[in-house]
Protein backbone atom coordinates (compact mmCIF):
# COMPACT_ATOMS: atom_id res chain seq x y z
CA UNK A 1 -10.81 23.23 6.33
CA UNK A 2 -10.83 20.09 8.49
CA UNK A 3 -13.83 18.32 10.08
CA UNK A 4 -14.83 18.70 13.73
CA UNK A 5 -13.26 15.33 14.56
CA UNK A 6 -9.89 16.72 13.54
CA UNK A 7 -10.34 19.82 15.70
CA UNK A 8 -11.04 17.58 18.71
CA UNK A 9 -8.08 15.48 17.72
CA UNK A 10 -5.81 18.55 17.74
CA UNK A 11 -7.10 19.50 21.20
CA UNK A 12 -6.09 16.06 22.46
CA UNK A 13 -2.69 16.60 20.87
CA UNK A 14 -2.16 19.68 23.04
CA UNK A 15 -2.82 17.61 26.17
CA UNK A 16 -0.51 14.85 24.97
CA UNK A 17 2.29 17.29 24.20
CA UNK A 18 1.93 18.52 27.78
CA UNK A 19 2.37 14.95 29.01
CA UNK A 20 5.35 14.50 26.72
CA UNK A 21 6.97 17.56 28.32
CA UNK A 22 6.61 15.95 31.73
CA UNK A 23 8.51 12.86 30.58
CA UNK A 24 11.59 14.97 30.01
CA UNK A 25 11.09 16.65 33.39
CA UNK A 26 11.71 13.28 35.07
CA UNK A 27 8.10 12.46 35.93
CA UNK A 28 8.05 8.70 36.57
CA UNK A 29 7.36 6.33 33.72
CA UNK A 30 4.51 4.70 35.69
CA UNK A 31 2.71 8.03 36.00
CA UNK A 32 3.08 8.64 32.28
CA UNK A 33 1.71 5.18 31.46
CA UNK A 34 -1.27 5.78 33.75
CA UNK A 35 -2.07 9.12 32.09
CA UNK A 36 -1.74 7.80 28.56
CA UNK A 37 -4.03 4.89 29.41
CA UNK A 38 -6.64 7.26 30.83
CA UNK A 39 -6.73 9.01 27.46
CA UNK A 40 -7.20 5.75 25.60
CA UNK A 41 -9.33 3.54 27.84
CA UNK A 42 -11.51 2.53 24.89
CA UNK A 43 -8.61 1.73 22.57
CA UNK A 44 -9.04 -1.42 20.48
CA UNK A 45 -6.37 -3.53 18.80
CA UNK A 46 -7.31 -2.19 15.38
CA UNK A 47 -7.29 1.40 14.07
CA UNK A 48 -8.44 3.26 10.98
CA UNK A 49 -6.06 6.16 10.30
CA UNK A 50 -7.39 8.82 7.93
CA UNK A 51 -4.74 10.80 6.02
CA UNK A 52 -4.75 13.72 3.57
CA UNK A 53 -1.90 14.95 1.37
CA UNK A 54 -0.64 18.41 2.26
CA UNK A 55 2.55 18.68 0.18
CA UNK A 56 4.07 16.92 -2.83
CA UNK A 57 2.37 14.65 -5.34
CA UNK A 58 3.79 11.25 -6.36
CA UNK A 59 4.80 8.46 -3.97
CA UNK A 60 6.71 5.27 -4.94
CA UNK A 61 4.83 2.09 -5.80
CA UNK A 62 6.71 0.35 -2.95
CA UNK A 63 5.81 3.00 -0.35
CA UNK A 64 5.12 0.49 2.47
CA UNK A 65 8.67 0.79 3.83
CA UNK A 66 8.50 4.58 4.10
CA UNK A 67 5.19 4.46 5.97
CA UNK A 68 6.77 1.92 8.33
CA UNK A 69 9.66 4.29 9.09
CA UNK A 70 7.13 6.96 10.09
CA UNK A 71 5.29 4.49 12.33
CA UNK A 72 8.53 3.36 14.01
CA UNK A 73 9.27 7.01 14.75
CA UNK A 74 5.84 7.51 16.32
CA UNK A 75 6.38 4.36 18.41
CA UNK A 76 9.74 5.50 19.80
CA UNK A 77 8.41 5.69 23.38
CA UNK A 78 6.97 2.18 23.10
CA UNK A 79 10.31 1.02 21.73
CA UNK A 80 12.23 2.65 24.60
CA UNK A 81 9.92 1.65 27.45
CA UNK A 82 7.97 -1.48 26.50
CA UNK A 83 9.48 -3.62 23.74
CA UNK A 84 11.99 -3.28 20.92
CA UNK A 85 10.06 -3.21 17.67
CA UNK A 86 12.85 -3.09 15.10
CA UNK A 87 15.45 -5.48 16.43
CA UNK A 88 16.95 -8.69 15.02
CA UNK A 89 16.20 -10.49 18.29
CA UNK A 90 12.48 -9.64 18.29
CA UNK A 91 9.53 -10.18 15.97
CA UNK A 92 6.68 -7.93 14.90
CA UNK A 93 3.45 -7.72 16.86
CA UNK A 94 1.77 -5.39 14.39
CA UNK A 95 0.93 -4.87 10.75
CA UNK A 96 -0.78 -2.26 8.60
CA UNK A 97 -2.47 -2.01 5.23
CA UNK A 98 -1.74 -0.21 2.01
CA UNK A 99 -3.16 3.30 1.73
CA UNK A 100 -6.76 2.58 0.74
CA UNK A 101 -8.22 5.28 -1.49
CA UNK A 102 -10.97 5.62 -4.08
CA UNK A 103 -9.09 8.50 -5.71
CA UNK A 104 -5.78 6.71 -6.30
CA UNK A 105 -4.20 7.14 -9.74
CA UNK A 106 -1.20 5.26 -11.15
CA UNK A 107 1.52 6.94 -13.19
CA UNK A 108 4.80 5.95 -14.78
CA UNK A 109 6.88 6.95 -11.75
CA UNK A 110 4.53 6.12 -8.90
CA UNK A 111 1.13 6.72 -7.34
CA UNK A 112 -0.99 9.84 -6.96
CA UNK A 113 -3.02 9.39 -3.74
CA UNK A 114 -4.54 12.67 -2.48
CA UNK A 115 -6.25 11.09 0.54
CA UNK A 116 -7.19 7.75 2.01
CA UNK A 117 -6.85 5.61 5.11
CA UNK A 118 -4.59 2.98 6.62
CA UNK A 119 -5.77 0.04 8.74
CA UNK A 120 -3.35 -0.65 11.60
CA UNK A 121 -3.50 -3.68 13.90
CA UNK A 122 -1.46 -5.06 16.78
CA UNK A 123 -1.59 -7.95 19.24
CA UNK A 124 -0.48 -5.50 21.95
CA UNK A 125 -3.04 -2.86 22.97
CA UNK A 126 -0.21 -0.87 24.57
CA UNK A 127 1.37 -0.46 21.15
CA UNK A 128 -1.95 0.91 19.86
CA UNK A 129 -2.04 3.43 22.72
CA UNK A 130 1.53 4.54 22.09
CA UNK A 131 0.81 4.92 18.38
CA UNK A 132 -2.13 7.20 19.18
CA UNK A 133 0.19 9.23 21.38
CA UNK A 134 2.91 9.38 18.73
CA UNK A 135 0.46 10.53 16.06
CA UNK A 136 -0.86 13.23 18.38
CA UNK A 137 2.67 14.51 18.95
CA UNK A 138 3.51 14.40 15.25
CA UNK A 139 0.61 13.80 12.82
CA UNK A 140 2.80 14.03 9.69
CA UNK A 141 3.58 10.98 7.53
CA UNK A 142 6.30 11.71 5.00
CA UNK A 143 6.80 9.39 2.02
CA UNK A 144 9.98 10.52 0.26
CA UNK A 145 9.10 14.12 -0.82
CA UNK A 146 5.36 13.89 -0.24
CA UNK A 147 3.73 14.73 3.10
CA UNK A 148 0.44 13.49 4.50
CA UNK A 149 -1.36 14.70 7.60
CA UNK A 150 -3.29 12.36 9.88
CA UNK A 151 -6.69 14.04 10.22
CA UNK A 152 -8.44 11.42 12.39
CA UNK A 153 -7.89 8.08 14.12
CA UNK A 154 -10.78 5.71 14.85
CA UNK A 155 -11.14 2.31 16.48
CA UNK A 156 -11.73 -0.25 13.75
CA UNK A 157 -13.47 -3.59 13.68
CA UNK A 158 -11.80 -6.53 15.34
CA UNK A 159 -12.11 -10.30 15.17
CA UNK A 160 -14.12 -12.61 17.40
CA UNK A 161 -12.87 -16.17 17.90
CA UNK A 162 -13.71 -18.09 14.73
CA UNK A 163 -12.13 -21.35 13.70
CA UNK A 164 -12.12 -20.18 10.06
CA UNK A 165 -12.70 -17.09 7.95
CA UNK A 166 -12.51 -15.93 4.33
CA UNK A 167 -10.18 -13.03 3.66
CA UNK A 168 -8.47 -10.77 1.17
CA UNK A 169 -5.09 -9.13 1.65
CA UNK A 170 -4.95 -5.36 2.14
CA UNK A 171 -1.16 -5.31 1.92
CA UNK A 172 1.25 -7.70 0.16
CA UNK A 173 2.32 -10.89 1.94
CA UNK A 174 6.05 -11.61 2.06
CA UNK A 175 6.54 -15.39 2.05
CA UNK A 176 9.79 -16.90 3.26
CA UNK A 177 11.08 -20.10 1.65
CA UNK A 178 10.57 -22.48 4.55
CA UNK A 179 13.45 -24.79 3.60
CA UNK A 180 16.18 -22.29 2.75
CA UNK A 181 15.06 -19.66 5.33
CA UNK A 182 17.36 -17.07 3.72
CA UNK A 183 15.28 -16.22 0.67
CA UNK A 184 11.72 -15.30 -0.18
CA UNK A 185 9.33 -17.07 -2.52
CA UNK A 186 8.96 -15.53 -5.99
CA UNK A 187 6.83 -18.13 -7.79
CA UNK A 188 3.08 -17.93 -7.04
CA UNK A 189 2.86 -21.74 -7.11
CA UNK A 190 5.16 -21.89 -4.07
CA UNK A 191 3.21 -19.44 -1.93
CA UNK A 192 0.58 -21.64 -0.29
CA UNK A 193 2.80 -24.45 1.05
CA UNK A 194 5.57 -22.15 2.27
CA UNK A 195 3.13 -19.70 3.86
CA UNK A 196 1.35 -22.51 5.71
CA UNK A 197 4.62 -24.05 6.94
CA UNK A 198 5.98 -20.68 8.06
CA UNK A 199 2.73 -19.68 9.80
CA UNK A 200 2.52 -22.95 11.74
CA UNK A 201 6.18 -22.61 12.76
CA UNK A 202 5.54 -19.07 14.01
CA UNK A 203 2.51 -20.16 16.05
CA UNK A 204 4.41 -23.00 17.71
CA UNK A 205 7.76 -21.32 18.29
CA UNK A 206 6.93 -17.64 18.78
CA UNK A 207 3.50 -17.85 20.39
CA UNK A 208 3.61 -21.29 22.09
CA UNK A 209 0.51 -22.71 20.44
CA UNK A 210 1.28 -26.43 20.47
CA UNK A 211 -1.28 -27.47 17.87
CA UNK A 212 -2.30 -24.57 15.62
CA UNK A 213 -3.93 -27.09 13.23
CA UNK A 214 -3.93 -24.59 10.37
CA UNK A 215 -4.89 -24.71 6.74
CA UNK A 216 -4.67 -21.92 4.16
CA UNK A 217 -6.26 -21.93 0.72
CA UNK A 218 -5.53 -19.06 -1.67
CA UNK A 219 -6.81 -17.86 -5.04
CA UNK A 220 -6.52 -14.90 -7.43
CA UNK A 221 -2.87 -14.42 -6.51
CA UNK A 222 -0.88 -11.45 -7.86
CA UNK A 223 2.78 -10.52 -7.51
CA UNK A 224 3.79 -7.12 -6.16
CA UNK A 225 7.20 -5.57 -5.58
CA UNK A 226 7.84 -4.59 -1.94
CA UNK A 227 10.69 -2.71 -0.30
CA UNK A 228 12.20 -4.22 2.85
CA UNK A 229 15.24 -1.96 3.27
CA UNK A 230 16.36 1.62 2.63
CA UNK A 231 19.45 0.46 0.77
CA UNK A 232 19.73 1.38 -2.89
CA UNK A 233 20.84 -2.09 -3.96
CA UNK A 234 18.33 -4.41 -5.61
CA UNK A 235 18.41 -6.60 -2.48
CA UNK A 236 16.31 -3.93 -0.74
CA UNK A 237 13.34 -5.00 -2.88
CA UNK A 238 11.68 -8.37 -3.27
CA UNK A 239 8.39 -9.96 -4.30
CA UNK A 240 5.24 -10.00 -2.20
CA UNK A 241 1.82 -11.39 -3.06
CA UNK A 242 -1.76 -10.16 -2.90
CA UNK A 243 -4.54 -12.74 -2.92
CA UNK A 244 -7.86 -13.92 -1.57
CA UNK A 245 -8.37 -17.04 0.46
CA UNK A 246 -9.63 -18.94 3.46
CA UNK A 247 -7.75 -19.75 6.66
CA UNK A 248 -8.69 -22.37 9.25
CA UNK A 249 -7.20 -23.39 12.56
CA UNK A 250 -7.05 -22.91 16.29
CA UNK A 251 -8.99 -19.70 17.13
CA UNK A 252 -6.01 -18.30 19.08
CA UNK A 253 -3.75 -18.83 16.07
CA UNK A 254 -6.25 -17.13 13.76
CA UNK A 255 -6.43 -14.08 16.02
CA UNK A 256 -2.63 -13.82 15.94
CA UNK A 257 -2.63 -14.02 12.14
CA UNK A 258 -5.35 -11.35 11.98
CA UNK A 259 -3.77 -8.83 14.36
CA UNK A 260 -0.11 -9.50 13.51
CA UNK A 261 -0.47 -10.30 9.81
CA UNK A 262 0.49 -13.23 7.60
CA UNK A 263 4.02 -13.97 6.41
CA UNK A 264 7.30 -12.25 7.24
CA UNK A 265 8.26 -8.67 8.16
CA UNK A 266 4.68 -7.70 8.92
CA UNK A 267 5.86 -4.60 10.79
CA UNK A 268 6.84 -3.11 7.42
CA UNK A 269 3.20 -2.95 6.40
CA UNK A 270 2.98 -6.45 4.95
CA UNK A 271 0.51 -9.28 5.41
CA UNK A 272 -2.61 -7.51 6.67
CA UNK A 273 -5.80 -9.41 5.85
CA UNK A 274 -9.43 -8.32 6.01
CA UNK A 275 -12.34 -10.70 6.65
CA UNK A 276 -14.78 -10.90 3.73
């Protein structure tokens, strides 16, 4: 039923489950890290995750949040041993795309996506390795009542060190109002200036790049509803934006934007851009 790559992938999962058993038998954390690295010595900072639906049918339009919950679960060992990934005192080092599929259909109540893939990126290669491990231990991604199975994970293309590149978003960008800080932009005309101001602030204050020297031009902008919380209240949803554009700046700042994503709450599957 599944391709050879998936059979090999399942064989690796058996080995990784064996390692996972040793963790709970008090084998040292350093030994576990060494073993997991040996299994992923060629890991890049960008992955292509192929998924196929195995149960259910329709998923919500704003499914990004539910995919993020699954990813947080698969990164629990990273969260416990390396860095807190869902904490008010920290900030995201990763992002991921929408489910990309040629067979996607839209309905009144949601989306029908039988199969597709997700692009996942992180600034931290350790996070990539732990995600591979987490997927091997549990390859299921559940979005409300619909289940997908990860059938393969591949290294995906990265970014060199350009001072500019053209891009399109593969997941909505959540843009914080730079002046108020407590709300998000809803008017497309406010996106560019607030996104640029926020991105430069992030580069200077979170990543210690003194002069990011950035510029962002955008076009073909579209609004899209995104979920940022599991609460039922309307506050759990807000407006994100999909667009095309060009970004310029310090090469180190551009690599951060590429691997971490643009905008706010990128760990919820927001702000991933692809070079075009």
